């Protein structure tokens, strides 16, 4: 799973030119996922758990 995530980050960094702050957000958010291939329900669960821990809505948005 870690290799796929690292590949995702590299692609986002070099192909989409995301900021270093966005890459850090990916790393933080990755820890909340319970599955290597999350479904929509898995993503919703992660958002709910993040919000329950007090994270702000803007910091927990997952995009399709």
N, C-alpha and C. Protein backbone atom coordinates (compact mmCIF):
# COMPACT_ATOMS: atom_id res chain seq x y z
N UNK A 1 0.82 -1.20 0.00
CA UNK A 1 0.00 0.00 0.00
C UNK A 1 0.85 1.25 0.00
N UNK A 2 1.94 1.23 0.73
CA UNK A 2 2.80 2.40 0.83
C UNK A 2 3.38 2.78 -0.53
N UNK A 3 3.76 1.80 -1.33
CA UNK A 3 4.32 2.11 -2.65
C UNK A 3 3.30 2.81 -3.54
N UNK A 4 2.05 2.35 -3.48
CA UNK A 4 1.00 2.99 -4.28
C UNK A 4 0.78 4.43 -3.83
N UNK A 5 0.82 4.64 -2.52
CA UNK A 5 0.63 5.98 -1.99
C UNK A 5 1.79 6.88 -2.40
N UNK A 6 3.00 6.38 -2.31
CA UNK A 6 4.17 7.17 -2.72
C UNK A 6 4.10 7.52 -4.21
N UNK A 7 3.64 6.59 -5.03
CA UNK A 7 3.48 6.85 -6.46
C UNK A 7 2.43 7.94 -6.67
N UNK A 8 1.33 7.85 -5.95
CA UNK A 8 0.28 8.87 -6.02
C UNK A 8 0.86 10.25 -5.69
N UNK A 9 1.62 10.34 -4.61
CA UNK A 9 2.21 11.62 -4.21
C UNK A 9 3.17 12.15 -5.25
N UNK A 10 4.00 11.29 -5.80
CA UNK A 10 4.94 11.74 -6.85
C UNK A 10 4.19 12.25 -8.08
N UNK A 11 3.15 11.53 -8.47
CA UNK A 11 2.36 11.97 -9.63
C UNK A 11 1.70 13.32 -9.37
N UNK A 12 1.13 13.48 -8.18
CA UNK A 12 0.48 14.75 -7.85
C UNK A 12 1.51 15.88 -7.79
N UNK A 13 2.70 15.59 -7.26
CA UNK A 13 3.72 16.60 -7.14
C UNK A 13 4.23 17.05 -8.51
N UNK A 14 4.55 16.10 -9.36
CA UNK A 14 5.22 16.46 -10.62
C UNK A 14 4.28 16.63 -11.80
N UNK A 15 3.14 15.97 -11.79
CA UNK A 15 2.21 16.09 -12.92
C UNK A 15 1.12 17.13 -12.67
N UNK A 16 0.74 17.29 -11.41
CA UNK A 16 -0.32 18.25 -11.07
C UNK A 16 0.23 19.48 -10.35
N UNK A 17 1.51 19.44 -10.00
CA UNK A 17 2.18 20.58 -9.38
C UNK A 17 1.51 21.03 -8.09
N UNK A 18 1.12 20.07 -7.24
CA UNK A 18 0.52 20.45 -5.97
C UNK A 18 1.60 21.02 -5.05
N UNK A 19 1.15 21.78 -4.09
CA UNK A 19 2.09 22.46 -3.18
C UNK A 19 2.64 21.48 -2.14
N UNK A 20 3.76 21.84 -1.51
CA UNK A 20 4.28 21.01 -0.41
C UNK A 20 3.26 20.85 0.71
N UNK A 21 2.46 21.88 0.96
CA UNK A 21 1.43 21.78 2.01
C UNK A 21 0.38 20.73 1.64
N UNK A 22 0.03 20.64 0.36
CA UNK A 22 -0.93 19.63 -0.09
C UNK A 22 -0.35 18.24 0.08
N UNK A 23 0.91 18.07 -0.24
CA UNK A 23 1.55 16.76 -0.05
C UNK A 23 1.55 16.36 1.42
N UNK A 24 1.76 17.31 2.32
CA UNK A 24 1.69 17.02 3.75
C UNK A 24 0.28 16.64 4.16
N UNK A 25 -0.71 17.31 3.57
CA UNK A 25 -2.10 16.97 3.87
C UNK A 25 -2.40 15.54 3.43
N UNK A 26 -1.90 15.15 2.26
CA UNK A 26 -2.09 13.76 1.80
C UNK A 26 -1.51 12.78 2.81
N UNK A 27 -0.32 13.06 3.30
CA UNK A 27 0.33 12.15 4.25
C UNK A 27 -0.47 12.06 5.55
N UNK A 28 -0.97 13.20 6.00
CA UNK A 28 -1.78 13.21 7.22
C UNK A 28 -3.08 12.43 7.01
N UNK A 29 -3.74 12.68 5.90
CA UNK A 29 -5.03 12.05 5.62
C UNK A 29 -4.89 10.56 5.37
N UNK A 30 -3.79 10.14 4.79
CA UNK A 30 -3.54 8.73 4.49
C UNK A 30 -3.67 7.87 5.75
N UNK A 31 -3.25 8.41 6.86
CA UNK A 31 -3.28 7.67 8.12
C UNK A 31 -4.70 7.34 8.56
N UNK A 32 -5.68 8.07 8.09
CA UNK A 32 -7.06 7.85 8.49
C UNK A 32 -7.74 6.76 7.67
N UNK A 33 -7.18 6.40 6.54
CA UNK A 33 -7.80 5.39 5.68
C UNK A 33 -7.52 3.99 6.21
N UNK A 34 -8.53 3.15 6.16
CA UNK A 34 -8.41 1.79 6.67
C UNK A 34 -8.25 0.76 5.57
N UNK A 35 -8.26 1.20 4.33
CA UNK A 35 -8.23 0.28 3.21
C UNK A 35 -7.26 0.77 2.15
N UNK A 36 -6.62 -0.17 1.47
CA UNK A 36 -5.71 0.17 0.39
C UNK A 36 -6.47 0.74 -0.81
N UNK A 37 -7.66 0.26 -1.03
CA UNK A 37 -8.52 0.74 -2.12
C UNK A 37 -9.85 1.19 -1.52
N UNK A 38 -9.88 2.37 -0.94
CA UNK A 38 -11.08 2.79 -0.23
C UNK A 38 -12.28 3.00 -1.16
N UNK A 39 -13.43 2.58 -0.67
CA UNK A 39 -14.69 2.82 -1.36
C UNK A 39 -15.22 4.18 -0.92
N UNK A 40 -16.32 4.60 -1.50
CA UNK A 40 -16.95 5.85 -1.07
C UNK A 40 -17.33 5.76 0.41
N UNK A 41 -17.83 4.59 0.83
CA UNK A 41 -18.18 4.42 2.25
C UNK A 41 -16.95 4.51 3.15
N UNK A 42 -15.82 3.96 2.71
CA UNK A 42 -14.58 4.06 3.48
C UNK A 42 -14.15 5.52 3.61
N UNK A 43 -14.28 6.28 2.53
CA UNK A 43 -13.91 7.69 2.57
C UNK A 43 -14.83 8.48 3.49
N UNK A 44 -16.13 8.18 3.43
CA UNK A 44 -17.08 8.84 4.33
C UNK A 44 -16.75 8.52 5.78
N UNK A 45 -16.41 7.26 6.05
CA UNK A 45 -16.05 6.85 7.41
C UNK A 45 -14.83 7.63 7.89
N UNK A 46 -13.83 7.78 7.03
CA UNK A 46 -12.63 8.52 7.41
C UNK A 46 -12.97 9.98 7.73
N UNK A 47 -13.82 10.59 6.90
CA UNK A 47 -14.22 11.98 7.13
C UNK A 47 -14.97 12.10 8.45
N UNK A 48 -15.89 11.18 8.71
CA UNK A 48 -16.64 11.22 9.97
C UNK A 48 -15.72 11.10 11.17
N UNK A 49 -14.76 10.18 11.11
CA UNK A 49 -13.83 10.01 12.23
C UNK A 49 -12.96 11.25 12.41
N UNK A 50 -12.52 11.86 11.30
CA UNK A 50 -11.70 13.06 11.39
C UNK A 50 -12.50 14.21 12.01
N UNK A 51 -13.75 14.36 11.58
CA UNK A 51 -14.60 15.43 12.13
C UNK A 51 -14.88 15.19 13.60
N UNK A 52 -15.11 13.93 13.97
CA UNK A 52 -15.37 13.60 15.37
C UNK A 52 -14.17 13.93 16.26
N UNK A 53 -12.99 13.90 15.70
CA UNK A 53 -11.77 14.24 16.45
C UNK A 53 -11.52 15.74 16.46
N UNK A 54 -12.41 16.51 15.83
CA UNK A 54 -12.31 17.96 15.90
C UNK A 54 -11.65 18.64 14.71
N UNK A 55 -11.34 17.90 13.66
CA UNK A 55 -10.75 18.54 12.48
C UNK A 55 -11.83 19.35 11.76
N UNK A 56 -11.43 20.46 11.21
CA UNK A 56 -12.37 21.34 10.52
C UNK A 56 -12.78 20.74 9.18
N UNK A 57 -13.98 21.10 8.72
CA UNK A 57 -14.52 20.55 7.48
C UNK A 57 -13.58 20.78 6.30
N UNK A 58 -13.00 21.94 6.21
CA UNK A 58 -12.12 22.25 5.08
C UNK A 58 -10.89 21.33 5.06
N UNK A 59 -10.47 20.86 6.20
CA UNK A 59 -9.29 20.01 6.30
C UNK A 59 -9.55 18.54 6.06
N UNK A 60 -10.82 18.17 5.88
CA UNK A 60 -11.11 16.75 5.72
C UNK A 60 -11.84 16.43 4.42
N UNK A 61 -11.83 17.34 3.48
CA UNK A 61 -12.52 17.11 2.21
C UNK A 61 -11.77 16.09 1.38
N UNK A 62 -12.50 15.09 0.90
CA UNK A 62 -11.97 14.15 -0.08
C UNK A 62 -12.66 14.43 -1.39
N UNK A 63 -11.92 14.44 -2.43
CA UNK A 63 -12.51 14.71 -3.75
C UNK A 63 -12.54 13.43 -4.57
N UNK A 64 -13.59 13.32 -5.39
CA UNK A 64 -13.70 12.16 -6.28
C UNK A 64 -12.81 12.34 -7.47
